[in-house]
PDB file of N, CA and C in Angstrom:
ATOM      1  N   MET A   1      58.521 132.301 122.897  1.00  0.00           N
ATOM      2  CA  MET A   1      58.836 131.793 121.573  1.00  0.00           C
ATOM      3  C   MET A   1      60.011 130.818 121.684  1.00  0.00           C
ATOM      4  N   SER A   2      59.958 129.707 120.975  1.00  0.00           N
ATOM      5  CA  SER A   2      61.019 128.704 121.071  1.00  0.00           C
ATOM      6  C   SER A   2      62.067 128.918 119.976  1.00  0.00           C
ATOM      7  N   ASP A   3      63.243 128.357 120.216  1.00  0.00           N
ATOM      8  CA  ASP A   3      64.374 128.466 119.286  1.00  0.00           C
ATOM      9  C   ASP A   3      64.137 127.547 118.078  1.00  0.00           C
ATOM     10  N   PRO A   4      64.183 128.062 116.837  1.00  0.00           N
ATOM     11  CA  PRO A   4      63.922 127.224 115.666  1.00  0.00           C
ATOM     12  C   PRO A   4      64.948 126.108 115.493  1.00  0.00           C
ATOM     13  N   ASP A   5      66.196 126.345 115.891  1.00  0.00           N
ATOM     14  CA  ASP A   5      67.227 125.313 115.761  1.00  0.00           C
ATOM     15  C   ASP A   5      66.929 124.128 116.674  1.00  0.00           C
ATOM     16  N   THR A   6      66.414 124.398 117.856  1.00  0.00           N
ATOM     17  CA  THR A   6      66.079 123.339 118.789  1.00  0.00           C
ATOM     18  C   THR A   6      64.939 122.496 118.230  1.00  0.00           C
ATOM     19  N   ASN A   7      63.959 123.139 117.627  1.00  0.00           N
ATOM     20  CA  ASN A   7      62.835 122.417 117.045  1.00  0.00           C
ATOM     21  C   ASN A   7      63.286 121.514 115.899  1.00  0.00           C
ATOM     22  N   LEU A   8      64.272 121.955 115.110  1.00  0.00           N
ATOM     23  CA  LEU A   8      64.768 121.145 113.999  1.00  0.00           C
ATOM     24  C   LEU A   8      65.480 119.902 114.495  1.00  0.00           C
ATOM     25  N   LYS A   9      66.220 120.021 115.593  1.00  0.00           N
ATOM     26  CA  LYS A   9      66.950 118.874 116.132  1.00  0.00           C
ATOM     27  C   LYS A   9      66.011 117.792 116.630  1.00  0.00           C
ATOM     28  N   ASP A  10      64.850 118.179 117.134  1.00  0.00           N
ATOM     29  CA  ASP A  10      63.902 117.226 117.699  1.00  0.00           C
ATOM     30  C   ASP A  10      62.888 116.708 116.679  1.00  0.00           C
ATOM     31  N   ASP A  11      62.896 117.240 115.484  1.00  0.00           N
ATOM     32  CA  ASP A  11      61.916 116.859 114.472  1.00  0.00           C
ATOM     33  C   ASP A  11      62.212 115.440 113.966  1.00  0.00           C
ATOM     34  N   PRO A  12      61.298 114.486 114.154  1.00  0.00           N
ATOM     35  CA  PRO A  12      61.542 113.102 113.734  1.00  0.00           C
ATOM     36  C   PRO A  12      61.534 112.915 112.219  1.00  0.00           C
ATOM     37  N   GLU A  13      60.999 113.874 111.495  1.00  0.00           N
ATOM     38  CA  GLU A  13      60.944 113.741 110.038  1.00  0.00           C
ATOM     39  C   GLU A  13      62.234 114.173 109.353  1.00  0.00           C
ATOM     40  N   LEU A  14      63.110 114.822 110.084  1.00  0.00           N
ATOM     41  CA  LEU A  14      64.390 115.241 109.508  1.00  0.00           C
ATOM     42  C   LEU A  14      65.431 114.168 109.774  1.00  0.00           C
ATOM     43  N   LYS A  15      66.303 114.017 108.843  1.00  0.00           N
ATOM     44  CA  LYS A  15      67.323 112.983 108.913  1.00  0.00           C
ATOM     45  C   LYS A  15      68.695 113.633 108.819  1.00  0.00           C
ATOM     46  N   GLN A  16      69.617 113.209 109.683  1.00  0.00           N
ATOM     47  CA  GLN A  16      70.980 113.741 109.607  1.00  0.00           C
ATOM     48  C   GLN A  16      71.740 113.026 108.508  1.00  0.00           C
ATOM     49  N   VAL A  17      72.497 113.793 107.746  1.00  0.00           N
ATOM     50  CA  VAL A  17      73.276 113.241 106.658  1.00  0.00           C
ATOM     51  C   VAL A  17      74.718 113.686 106.828  1.00  0.00           C
ATOM     52  N   LYS A  18      75.632 112.735 106.680  1.00  0.00           N
ATOM     53  CA  LYS A  18      77.051 113.074 106.731  1.00  0.00           C
ATOM     54  C   LYS A  18      77.576 113.085 105.307  1.00  0.00           C
ATOM     55  N   ALA A  19      78.269 114.149 104.967  1.00  0.00           N
ATOM     56  CA  ALA A  19      78.838 114.272 103.628  1.00  0.00           C
ATOM     57  C   ALA A  19      80.320 113.942 103.680  1.00  0.00           C
ATOM     58  N   THR A  20      80.784 113.212 102.687  1.00  0.00           N
ATOM     59  CA  THR A  20      82.203 112.919 102.572  1.00  0.00           C
ATOM     60  C   THR A  20      82.678 113.395 101.210  1.00  0.00           C
ATOM     61  N   GLU A  21      83.925 113.765 101.163  1.00  0.00           N
ATOM     62  CA  GLU A  21      84.496 114.252  99.915  1.00  0.00           C
ATOM     63  C   GLU A  21      85.226 113.103  99.239  1.00  0.00           C
ATOM     64  N   ALA A  22      84.854 112.805  98.021  1.00  0.00           N
ATOM     65  CA  ALA A  22      85.502 111.740  97.268  1.00  0.00           C
ATOM     66  C   ALA A  22      86.460 112.368  96.266  1.00  0.00           C
ATOM     67  N   THR A  23      87.716 112.050  96.391  1.00  0.00           N
ATOM     68  CA  THR A  23      88.682 112.566  95.436  1.00  0.00           C
ATOM     69  C   THR A  23      88.844 111.555  94.311  1.00  0.00           C
ATOM     70  N   GLU A  24      89.393 112.019  93.221  1.00  0.00           N
ATOM     71  CA  GLU A  24      89.636 111.142  92.083  1.00  0.00           C
ATOM     72  C   GLU A  24      90.519 109.966  92.497  1.00  0.00           C
ATOM     73  N   GLU A  25      91.528 110.263  93.303  1.00  0.00           N
ATOM     74  CA  GLU A  25      92.452 109.218  93.732  1.00  0.00           C
ATOM     75  C   GLU A  25      91.763 108.182  94.611  1.00  0.00           C
ATOM     76  N   SER A  26      90.928 108.632  95.555  1.00  0.00           N
ATOM     77  CA  SER A  26      90.267 107.678  96.437  1.00  0.00           C
ATOM     78  C   SER A  26      89.285 106.798  95.673  1.00  0.00           C
ATOM     79  N   VAL A  27      88.634 107.358  94.665  1.00  0.00           N
ATOM     80  CA  VAL A  27      87.711 106.566  93.855  1.00  0.00           C
ATOM     81  C   VAL A  27      88.481 105.494  93.093  1.00  0.00           C
ATOM     82  N   ILE A  28      89.604 105.875  92.500  1.00  0.00           N
ATOM     83  CA  ILE A  28      90.412 104.910  91.744  1.00  0.00           C
ATOM     84  C   ILE A  28      90.946 103.820  92.675  1.00  0.00           C
ATOM     85  N   LEU A  29      91.459 104.198  93.842  1.00  0.00           N
ATOM     86  CA  LEU A  29      92.000 103.200  94.768  1.00  0.00           C
ATOM     87  C   LEU A  29      90.921 102.211  95.199  1.00  0.00           C
ATOM     88  N   GLY A  30      89.724 102.694  95.416  1.00  0.00           N
ATOM     89  CA  GLY A  30      88.634 101.799  95.776  1.00  0.00           C
ATOM     90  C   GLY A  30      88.318 100.811  94.669  1.00  0.00           C
ATOM     91  N   ARG A  31      88.402 101.263  93.446  1.00  0.00           N
ATOM     92  CA  ARG A  31      88.110 100.402  92.299  1.00  0.00           C
ATOM     93  C   ARG A  31      89.256  99.433  91.995  1.00  0.00           C
ATOM     94  N   MET A  32      90.464  99.779  92.385  1.00  0.00           N
ATOM     95  CA  MET A  32      91.620  98.927  92.091  1.00  0.00           C
ATOM     96  C   MET A  32      91.486  97.539  92.713  1.00  0.00           C
ATOM     97  N   GLU A  33      90.794  97.448  93.817  1.00  0.00           N
ATOM     98  CA  GLU A  33      90.645  96.163  94.497  1.00  0.00           C
ATOM     99  C   GLU A  33      89.851  95.161  93.665  1.00  0.00           C
ATOM    100  N   ARG A  34      89.109  95.637  92.689  1.00  0.00           N
ATOM    101  CA  ARG A  34      88.279  94.756  91.869  1.00  0.00           C
ATOM    102  C   ARG A  34      89.062  94.035  90.772  1.00  0.00           C
ATOM    103  N   PHE A  35      90.260  94.506  90.482  1.00  0.00           N
ATOM    104  CA  PHE A  35      91.034  93.910  89.400  1.00  0.00           C
ATOM    105  C   PHE A  35      91.908  92.779  89.933  1.00  0.00           C
ATOM    106  N   SER A  36      92.039  91.735  89.134  1.00  0.00           N
ATOM    107  CA  SER A  36      92.803  90.570  89.570  1.00  0.00           C
ATOM    108  C   SER A  36      94.308  90.756  89.410  1.00  0.00           C
ATOM    109  N   ASP A  37      94.722  91.649  88.527  1.00  0.00           N
ATOM    110  CA  ASP A  37      96.161  91.899  88.400  1.00  0.00           C
ATOM    111  C   ASP A  37      96.423  93.300  87.848  1.00  0.00           C
ATOM    112  N   TRP A  38      97.675  93.666  87.855  1.00  0.00           N
ATOM    113  CA  TRP A  38      98.130  95.004  87.460  1.00  0.00           C
ATOM    114  C   TRP A  38      97.749  95.333  86.022  1.00  0.00           C
ATOM    115  N   ASN A  39      98.004  94.406  85.085  1.00  0.00           N
ATOM    116  CA  ASN A  39      97.750  94.675  83.672  1.00  0.00           C
ATOM    117  C   ASN A  39      96.269  94.913  83.386  1.00  0.00           C
ATOM    118  N   ARG A  40      95.401  94.180  84.040  1.00  0.00           N
ATOM    119  CA  ARG A  40      93.964  94.387  83.840  1.00  0.00           C
ATOM    120  C   ARG A  40      93.544  95.767  84.340  1.00  0.00           C
ATOM    121  N   ALA A  41      94.105  96.176  85.469  1.00  0.00           N
ATOM    122  CA  ALA A  41      93.777  97.497  86.019  1.00  0.00           C
ATOM    123  C   ALA A  41      94.264  98.603  85.082  1.00  0.00           C
ATOM    124  N   VAL A  42      95.491  98.497  84.628  1.00  0.00           N
ATOM    125  CA  VAL A  42      96.056  99.511  83.730  1.00  0.00           C
ATOM    126  C   VAL A  42      95.264  99.567  82.426  1.00  0.00           C
ATOM    127  N   THR A  43      94.915  98.417  81.890  1.00  0.00           N
ATOM    128  CA  THR A  43      94.157  98.375  80.640  1.00  0.00           C
ATOM    129  C   THR A  43      92.790  99.024  80.810  1.00  0.00           C
ATOM    130  N   ALA A  44      92.092  98.683  81.867  1.00  0.00           N
ATOM    131  CA  ALA A  44      90.743  99.225  82.082  1.00  0.00           C
ATOM    132  C   ALA A  44      90.775 100.739  82.277  1.00  0.00           C
ATOM    133  N   ILE A  45      91.691 101.224  83.101  1.00  0.00           N
ATOM    134  CA  ILE A  45      91.762 102.663  83.368  1.00  0.00           C
ATOM    135  C   ILE A  45      92.263 103.408  82.129  1.00  0.00           C
ATOM    136  N   SER A  46      93.170 102.803  81.380  1.00  0.00           N
ATOM    137  CA  SER A  46      93.639 103.411  80.129  1.00  0.00           C
ATOM    138  C   SER A  46      92.503 103.558  79.131  1.00  0.00           C
ATOM    139  N   GLN A  47      91.668 102.536  79.026  1.00  0.00           N
ATOM    140  CA  GLN A  47      90.533 102.608  78.107  1.00  0.00           C
ATOM    141  C   GLN A  47      89.543 103.688  78.538  1.00  0.00           C
ATOM    142  N   LEU A  48      89.356 103.831  79.833  1.00  0.00           N
ATOM    143  CA  LEU A  48      88.476 104.882  80.343  1.00  0.00           C
ATOM    144  C   LEU A  48      89.028 106.268  79.991  1.00  0.00           C
ATOM    145  N   ILE A  49      90.319 106.466  80.211  1.00  0.00           N
ATOM    146  CA  ILE A  49      90.949 107.752  79.884  1.00  0.00           C
ATOM    147  C   ILE A  49      90.850 108.023  78.384  1.00  0.00           C
ATOM    148  N   ARG A  50      91.105 106.998  77.577  1.00  0.00           N
ATOM    149  CA  ARG A  50      91.022 107.144  76.123  1.00  0.00           C
ATOM    150  C   ARG A  50      89.608 107.515  75.708  1.00  0.00           C
ATOM    151  N   PHE A  51      88.607 106.849  76.274  1.00  0.00           N
ATOM    152  CA  PHE A  51      87.206 107.136  75.975  1.00  0.00           C
ATOM    153  C   PHE A  51      86.867 108.593  76.297  1.00  0.00           C
ATOM    154  N   ILE A  52      87.316 109.059  77.452  1.00  0.00           N
ATOM    155  CA  ILE A  52      87.042 110.443  77.866  1.00  0.00           C
ATOM    156  C   ILE A  52      87.685 111.423  76.890  1.00  0.00           C
ATOM    157  N   ARG A  53      88.920 111.157  76.514  1.00  0.00           N
ATOM    158  CA  ARG A  53      89.621 112.063  75.598  1.00  0.00           C
ATOM    159  C   ARG A  53      88.977 112.075  74.217  1.00  0.00           C
ATOM    160  N   VAL A  54      88.517 110.925  73.749  1.00  0.00           N
ATOM    161  CA  VAL A  54      87.850 110.873  72.444  1.00  0.00           C
ATOM    162  C   VAL A  54      86.531 111.640  72.503  1.00  0.00           C
ATOM    163  N   ARG A  55      85.803 111.483  73.607  1.00  0.00           N
ATOM    164  CA  ARG A  55      84.528 112.201  73.767  1.00  0.00           C
ATOM    165  C   ARG A  55      84.739 113.711  73.834  1.00  0.00           C
ATOM    166  N   LYS A  56      85.861 114.136  74.427  1.00  0.00           N
ATOM    167  CA  LYS A  56      86.163 115.568  74.505  1.00  0.00           C
ATOM    168  C   LYS A  56      86.784 116.077  73.212  1.00  0.00           C
ATOM    169  N   LYS A  57      86.992 115.179  72.270  1.00  0.00           N
ATOM    170  CA  LYS A  57      87.564 115.512  70.969  1.00  0.00           C
ATOM    171  C   LYS A  57      88.932 116.185  71.099  1.00  0.00           C
ATOM    172  N   GLN A  58      89.747 115.609  71.970  1.00  0.00           N
ATOM    173  CA  GLN A  58      91.106 116.108  72.115  1.00  0.00           C
ATOM    174  C   GLN A  58      91.955 115.547  70.983  1.00  0.00           C
ATOM    175  N   ASN A  59      93.221 115.874  71.001  1.00  0.00           N
ATOM    176  CA  ASN A  59      94.135 115.394  69.964  1.00  0.00           C
ATOM    177  C   ASN A  59      94.085 113.870  69.865  1.00  0.00           C
ATOM    178  N   PRO A  60      94.557 113.322  68.744  1.00  0.00           N
ATOM    179  CA  PRO A  60      94.574 111.860  68.609  1.00  0.00           C
ATOM    180  C   PRO A  60      95.235 111.210  69.834  1.00  0.00           C
ATOM    181  N   VAL A  61      94.632 110.109  70.247  1.00  0.00           N
ATOM    182  CA  VAL A  61      95.058 109.455  71.475  1.00  0.00           C
ATOM    183  C   VAL A  61      95.988 108.292  71.155  1.00  0.00           C
ATOM    184  N   ASP A  62      97.210 108.349  71.669  1.00  0.00           N
ATOM    185  CA  ASP A  62      98.183 107.286  71.515  1.00  0.00           C
ATOM    186  C   ASP A  62      98.090 106.379  72.740  1.00  0.00           C
ATOM    187  N   MET A  63      97.699 105.126  72.538  1.00  0.00           N
ATOM    188  CA  MET A  63      97.472 104.224  73.667  1.00  0.00           C
ATOM    189  C   MET A  63      98.748 103.962  74.476  1.00  0.00           C
ATOM    190  N   ILE A  64      99.902 104.026  73.853  1.00  0.00           N
ATOM    191  CA  ILE A  64     101.150 103.824  74.593  1.00  0.00           C
ATOM    192  C   ILE A  64     101.343 104.957  75.592  1.00  0.00           C
ATOM    193  N   ASP A  65     101.091 106.186  75.164  1.00  0.00           N
ATOM    194  CA  ASP A  65     101.193 107.329  76.076  1.00  0.00           C
ATOM    195  C   ASP A  65     100.148 107.249  77.179  1.00  0.00           C
ATOM    196  N   VAL A  66      98.946 106.847  76.815  1.00  0.00           N
ATOM    197  CA  VAL A  66      97.867 106.747  77.803  1.00  0.00           C
ATOM    198  C   VAL A  66      98.212 105.690  78.847  1.00  0.00           C
ATOM    199  N   ARG A  67      98.751 104.556  78.437  1.00  0.00           N
ATOM    200  CA  ARG A  67      99.135 103.506  79.404  1.00  0.00           C
ATOM    201  C   ARG A  67     100.229 103.996  80.342  1.00  0.00           C
ATOM    202  N   ALA A  68     101.195 104.736  79.813  1.00  0.00           N
ATOM    203  CA  ALA A  68     102.267 105.270  80.664  1.00  0.00           C
ATOM    204  C   ALA A  68     101.695 106.267  81.677  1.00  0.00           C
ATOM    205  N   GLU A  69     100.811 107.145  81.209  1.00  0.00           N
ATOM    206  CA  GLU A  69     100.164 108.103  82.118  1.00  0.00           C
ATOM    207  C   GLU A  69      99.332 107.381  83.171  1.00  0.00           C
ATOM    208  N   THR A  70      98.648 106.322  82.760  1.00  0.00           N
ATOM    209  CA  THR A  70      97.810 105.552  83.684  1.00  0.00           C
ATOM    210  C   THR A  70      98.655 104.905  84.771  1.00  0.00           C
ATOM    211  N   LYS A  71      99.769 104.318  84.392  1.00  0.00           N
ATOM    212  CA  LYS A  71     100.652 103.687  85.381  1.00  0.00           C
ATOM    213  C   LYS A  71     101.145 104.713  86.395  1.00  0.00           C
ATOM    214  N   SER A  72     101.562 105.879  85.926  1.00  0.00           N
ATOM    215  CA  SER A  72     102.020 106.932  86.834  1.00  0.00           C
ATOM    216  C   SER A  72     100.888 107.394  87.742  1.00  0.00           C
ATOM    217  N   PHE A  73      99.692 107.544  87.182  1.00  0.00           N
ATOM    218  CA  PHE A  73      98.537 107.985  87.967  1.00  0.00           C
ATOM    219  C   PHE A  73      98.225 106.989  89.080  1.00  0.00           C
ATOM    220  N   ILE A  74      98.210 105.706  88.753  1.00  0.00           N
ATOM    221  CA  ILE A  74      97.909 104.683  89.758  1.00  0.00           C
ATOM    222  C   ILE A  74      98.968 104.694  90.857  1.00  0.00           C
ATOM    223  N   LEU A  75     100.236 104.742  90.469  1.00  0.00           N
ATOM    224  CA  LEU A  75     101.315 104.739  91.467  1.00  0.00           C
ATOM    225  C   LEU A  75     101.255 105.984  92.352  1.00  0.00           C
ATOM    226  N   ARG A  76     101.007 107.148  91.748  1.00  0.00           N
ATOM    227  CA  ARG A  76     100.867 108.385  92.544  1.00  0.00           C
ATOM    228  C   ARG A  76      99.726 108.252  93.546  1.00  0.00           C
ATOM    229  N   SER A  77      98.606 107.723  93.083  1.00  0.00           N
ATOM    230  CA  SER A  77      97.435 107.572  93.941  1.00  0.00           C
ATOM    231  C   SER A  77      97.722 106.645  95.111  1.00  0.00           C
ATOM    232  N   VAL A  78      98.386 105.548  94.832  1.00  0.00           N
ATOM    233  CA  VAL A  78      98.705 104.579  95.886  1.00  0.00           C
ATOM    234  C   VAL A  78      99.713 105.176  96.870  1.00  0.00           C
ATOM    235  N   GLN A  79     100.697 105.916  96.372  1.00  0.00           N
ATOM    236  CA  GLN A  79     101.706 106.522  97.253  1.00  0.00           C
ATOM    237  C   GLN A  79     101.119 107.613  98.134  1.00  0.00           C
ATOM    238  N   ARG A  80     100.178 108.365  97.613  1.00  0.00           N
ATOM    239  CA  ARG A  80      99.632 109.498  98.365  1.00  0.00           C
ATOM    240  C   ARG A  80      98.768 109.076  99.535  1.00  0.00           C
ATOM    241  N   GLU A  81      98.297 107.856  99.529  1.00  0.00           N
ATOM    242  CA  GLU A  81      97.484 107.415 100.660  1.00  0.00           C
ATOM    243  C   GLU A  81      98.319 107.315 101.942  1.00  0.00           C
ATOM    244  N   PRO A  82      99.409 106.572 101.970  1.00  0.00           N
ATOM    245  CA  PRO A  82     100.173 106.488 103.228  1.00  0.00           C
ATOM    246  C   PRO A  82     101.187 107.618 103.434  1.00  0.00           C
ATOM    247  N   PHE A  83     101.619 108.269 102.364  1.00  0.00           N
ATOM    248  CA  PHE A  83     102.698 109.255 102.469  1.00  0.00           C
ATOM    249  C   PHE A  83     102.271 110.667 102.087  1.00  0.00           C
ATOM    250  N   ALA A  84     101.022 111.013 102.286  1.00  0.00           N
ATOM    251  CA  ALA A  84     100.512 112.322 101.860  1.00  0.00           C
ATOM    252  C   ALA A  84     101.287 113.474 102.482  1.00  0.00           C
ATOM    253  N   SER A  85     101.537 113.426 103.784  1.00  0.00           N
ATOM    254  CA  SER A  85     102.224 114.542 104.443  1.00  0.00           C
ATOM    255  C   SER A  85     103.679 114.642 103.993  1.00  0.00           C
ATOM    256  N   GLU A  86     104.332 113.512 103.802  1.00  0.00           N
ATOM    257  CA  GLU A  86     105.730 113.527 103.363  1.00  0.00           C
ATOM    258  C   GLU A  86     105.859 114.077 101.939  1.00  0.00           C
ATOM    259  N   ILE A  87     104.943 113.669 101.062  1.00  0.00           N
ATOM    260  CA  ILE A  87     104.976 114.159  99.685  1.00  0.00           C
ATOM    261  C   ILE A  87     104.709 115.658  99.660  1.00  0.00           C
ATOM    262  N   GLU A  88     103.761 116.095 100.448  1.00  0.00           N
ATOM    263  CA  GLU A  88     103.456 117.529 100.524  1.00  0.00           C
ATOM    264  C   GLU A  88     104.662 118.322 101.018  1.00  0.00           C
ATOM    265  N   GLN A  89     105.342 117.794 102.026  1.00  0.00           N
ATOM    266  CA  GLN A  89     106.524 118.465 102.569  1.00  0.00           C
ATOM    267  C   GLN A  89     107.646 118.516 101.533  1.00  0.00           C
ATOM    268  N   LEU A  90     107.850 117.441 100.798  1.00  0.00           N
ATOM    269  CA  LEU A  90     108.891 117.412  99.766  1.00  0.00           C
ATOM    270  C   LEU A  90     108.560 118.346  98.604  1.00  0.00           C
ATOM    271  N   GLU A  91     107.281 118.465  98.264  1.00  0.00           N
ATOM    272  CA  GLU A  91     106.899 119.367  97.171  1.00  0.00           C
ATOM    273  C   GLU A  91     107.068 120.827  97.577  1.00  0.00           C
ATOM    274  N   LYS A  92     106.845 121.139  98.830  1.00  0.00           N
ATOM    275  CA  LYS A  92     106.978 122.518  99.304  1.00  0.00           C
ATOM    276  C   LYS A  92     108.435 122.942  99.434  1.00  0.00           C
ATOM    277  N   ASP A  93     109.271 122.045  99.933  1.00  0.00           N
ATOM    278  CA  ASP A  93     110.660 122.404 100.230  1.00  0.00           C
ATOM    279  C   ASP A  93     111.602 121.280  99.786  1.00  0.00           C
ATOM    280  N   PRO A  94     111.752 121.075  98.450  1.00  0.00           N
ATOM    281  CA  PRO A  94     112.549 119.954  97.953  1.00  0.00           C
ATOM    282  C   PRO A  94     114.014 119.933  98.402  1.00  0.00           C
ATOM    283  N   PRO A  95     114.713 121.073  98.462  1.00  0.00           N
ATOM    284  CA  PRO A  95     116.134 120.984  98.809  1.00  0.00           C
ATOM    285  C   PRO A  95     116.367 120.463 100.231  1.00  0.00           C
ATOM    286  N   ASN A  96     115.485 120.829 101.153  1.00  0.00           N
ATOM    287  CA  ASN A  96     115.679 120.403 102.534  1.00  0.00           C
ATOM    288  C   ASN A  96     115.105 119.033 102.830  1.00  0.00           C
ATOM    289  N   GLY A  97     114.243 118.550 101.965  1.00  0.00           N
ATOM    290  CA  GLY A  97     113.688 117.214 102.139  1.00  0.00           C
ATOM    291  C   GLY A  97     112.901 117.068 103.417  1.00  0.00           C
ATOM    292  N   LEU A  98     112.961 115.898 103.990  1.00  0.00           N
ATOM    293  CA  LEU A  98     112.209 115.582 105.196  1.00  0.00           C
ATOM    294  C   LEU A  98     113.088 115.702 106.427  1.00  0.00           C
ATOM    295  N   ASN A  99     112.449 115.986 107.539  1.00  0.00           N
ATOM    296  CA  ASN A  99     113.201 115.994 108.789  1.00  0.00           C
ATOM    297  C   ASN A  99     113.153 114.610 109.430  1.00  0.00           C
ATOM    298  N   ARG A 100     113.900 114.432 110.475  1.00  0.00           N
ATOM    299  CA  ARG A 100     113.997 113.116 111.118  1.00  0.00           C
ATOM    300  C   ARG A 100     112.693 112.671 111.761  1.00  0.00           C
ATOM    301  N   ASN A 101     111.755 113.574 111.959  1.00  0.00           N
ATOM    302  CA  ASN A 101     110.478 113.212 112.566  1.00  0.00           C
ATOM    303  C   ASN A 101     109.500 112.635 111.540  1.00  0.00           C
ATOM    304  N   SER A 102     109.886 112.548 110.300  1.00  0.00           N
ATOM    305  CA  SER A 102     109.009 112.062 109.232  1.00  0.00           C
ATOM    306  C   SER A 102     109.137 110.553 109.055  1.00  0.00           C
ATOM    307  N   ARG A 103     108.861 109.832 110.111  1.00  0.00           N
ATOM    308  CA  ARG A 103     108.964 108.371 110.108  1.00  0.00           C
ATOM    309  C   ARG A 103     110.353 107.940 109.656  1.00  0.00           C
ATOM    310  N   MET A 104     110.461 106.735 109.196  1.00  0.00           N
ATOM    311  CA  MET A 104     111.766 106.217 108.793  1.00  0.00           C
ATOM    312  C   MET A 104     112.048 106.465 107.308  1.00  0.00           C
ATOM    313  N   ILE A 105     111.116 107.046 106.613  1.00  0.00           N
ATOM    314  CA  ILE A 105     111.268 107.274 105.185  1.00  0.00           C
ATOM    315  C   ILE A 105     112.417 108.237 104.880  1.00  0.00           C
ATOM    316  N   TYR A 106     112.751 109.107 105.818  1.00  0.00           N
ATOM    317  CA  TYR A 106     113.803 110.096 105.563  1.00  0.00           C
ATOM    318  C   TYR A 106     115.146 109.426 105.289  1.00  0.00           C
ATOM    319  N   LYS A 107     115.359 108.210 105.787  1.00  0.00           N
ATOM    320  CA  LYS A 107     116.624 107.500 105.562  1.00  0.00           C
ATOM    321  C   LYS A 107     116.820 107.130 104.092  1.00  0.00           C
ATOM    322  N   LEU A 108     115.748 107.093 103.343  1.00  0.00           N
ATOM    323  CA  LEU A 108     115.825 106.734 101.923  1.00  0.00           C
ATOM    324  C   LEU A 108     116.130 107.924 101.035  1.00  0.00           C
ATOM    325  N   ASP A 109     116.255 109.108 101.635  1.00  0.00           N
ATOM    326  CA  ASP A 109     116.504 110.334 100.892  1.00  0.00           C
ATOM    327  C   ASP A 109     115.472 110.495  99.763  1.00  0.00           C
ATOM    328  N   PRO A 110     114.187 110.483 100.104  1.00  0.00           N
ATOM    329  CA  PRO A 110     113.155 110.516  99.071  1.00  0.00           C
ATOM    330  C   PRO A 110     113.049 111.875  98.388  1.00  0.00           C
ATOM    331  N   PHE A 111     112.523 111.853  97.174  1.00  0.00           N
ATOM    332  CA  PHE A 111     112.224 113.077  96.439  1.00  0.00           C
ATOM    333  C   PHE A 111     111.018 112.813  95.554  1.00  0.00           C
ATOM    334  N   VAL A 112     110.366 113.875  95.131  1.00  0.00           N
ATOM    335  CA  VAL A 112     109.221 113.770  94.231  1.00  0.00           C
ATOM    336  C   VAL A 112     109.719 114.110  92.833  1.00  0.00           C
ATOM    337  N   ASP A 113     109.568 113.165  91.898  1.00  0.00           N
ATOM    338  CA  ASP A 113     110.076 113.391  90.544  1.00  0.00           C
ATOM    339  C   ASP A 113     109.134 114.277  89.732  1.00  0.00           C
ATOM    340  N   LYS A 114     109.468 114.492  88.465  1.00  0.00           N
ATOM    341  CA  LYS A 114     108.703 115.408  87.602  1.00  0.00           C
ATOM    342  C   LYS A 114     107.255 114.971  87.409  1.00  0.00           C
ATOM    343  N   SER A 115     107.027 113.665  87.464  1.00  0.00           N
ATOM    344  CA  SER A 115     105.659 113.176  87.265  1.00  0.00           C
ATOM    345  C   SER A 115     104.882 113.071  88.569  1.00  0.00           C
ATOM    346  N   GLY A 116     105.492 113.490  89.686  1.00  0.00           N
ATOM    347  CA  GLY A 116     104.796 113.496  90.965  1.00  0.00           C
ATOM    348  C   GLY A 116     104.930 112.223  91.766  1.00  0.00           C
ATOM    349  N   LEU A 117     105.809 111.324  91.327  1.00  0.00           N
ATOM    350  CA  LEU A 117     106.023 110.069  92.040  1.00  0.00           C
ATOM    351  C   LEU A 117     107.073 110.234  93.125  1.00  0.00           C
ATOM    352  N   LEU A 118     106.837 109.595  94.246  1.00  0.00           N
ATOM    353  CA  LEU A 118     107.796 109.577  95.338  1.00  0.00           C
ATOM    354  C   LEU A 118     108.851 108.536  95.005  1.00  0.00           C
ATOM    355  N   GLU A 119     110.126 108.944  94.993  1.00  0.00           N
ATOM    356  CA  GLU A 119     111.200 108.021  94.642  1.00  0.00           C
ATOM    357  C   GLU A 119     112.289 108.043  95.687  1.00  0.00           C
ATOM    358  N   GLU A 120     113.045 106.952  95.717  1.00  0.00           N
ATOM    359  CA  GLU A 120     114.181 106.833  96.623  1.00  0.00           C
ATOM    360  C   GLU A 120     115.362 107.559  96.000  1.00  0.00           C
ATOM    361  N   GLY A 121     115.981 108.434  96.766  1.00  0.00           N
ATOM    362  CA  GLY A 121     117.028 109.274  96.203  1.00  0.00           C
ATOM    363  C   GLY A 121     118.412 108.695  96.268  1.00  0.00           C
ATOM    364  N   LEU A 122     118.834 108.304  97.454  1.00  0.00           N
ATOM    365  CA  LEU A 122     120.216 107.855  97.668  1.00  0.00           C
ATOM    366  C   LEU A 122     121.211 108.873  97.102  1.00  0.00           C
ATOM    367  N   MET A 123     120.893 110.141  97.303  1.00  0.00           N
ATOM    368  CA  MET A 123     121.741 111.265  96.891  1.00  0.00           C
ATOM    369  C   MET A 123     121.909 111.381  95.386  1.00  0.00           C
ATOM    370  N   ALA A 124     121.071 110.715  94.601  1.00  0.00           N
ATOM    371  CA  ALA A 124     121.229 110.747  93.156  1.00  0.00           C
ATOM    372  C   ALA A 124     120.271 111.715  92.459  1.00  0.00           C
ATOM    373  N   HIS A 125     119.317 112.268  93.196  1.00  0.00           N
ATOM    374  CA  HIS A 125     118.349 113.123  92.536  1.00  0.00           C
ATOM    375  C   HIS A 125     118.916 114.523  92.276  1.00  0.00           C
ATOM    376  N   PRO A 126     118.318 115.226  91.284  1.00  0.00           N
ATOM    377  CA  PRO A 126     118.834 116.553  90.912  1.00  0.00           C
ATOM    378  C   PRO A 126     118.556 117.605  91.963  1.00  0.00           C
TER     379      PRO A 126
END
């Protein structure tokens, strides 16, 4: 009797498929390249967020608040791509910050603010 797994590997009718995980941030970053400037991107994403909230029948939507949230979301998404490990380390252990092995970013005394943005500290953060 032959091994069923071996038969599946040799079957020409089966196709291998690779699955990738798409996060909300990666989807947004991919779409950001389509916008010609910052204001167009913020406006488009703000309108999308507003549309979703209206469809979910959430509280009245204030476009000024939505634009502010959108700007923070975009900046967080962009920062998390190159600095994911540093942000994770700062969120886990904020008082100790980063060690010297965390690239050159440690010289800026970075911290993660209340909205999740990576900021330069210069010893001024709480």
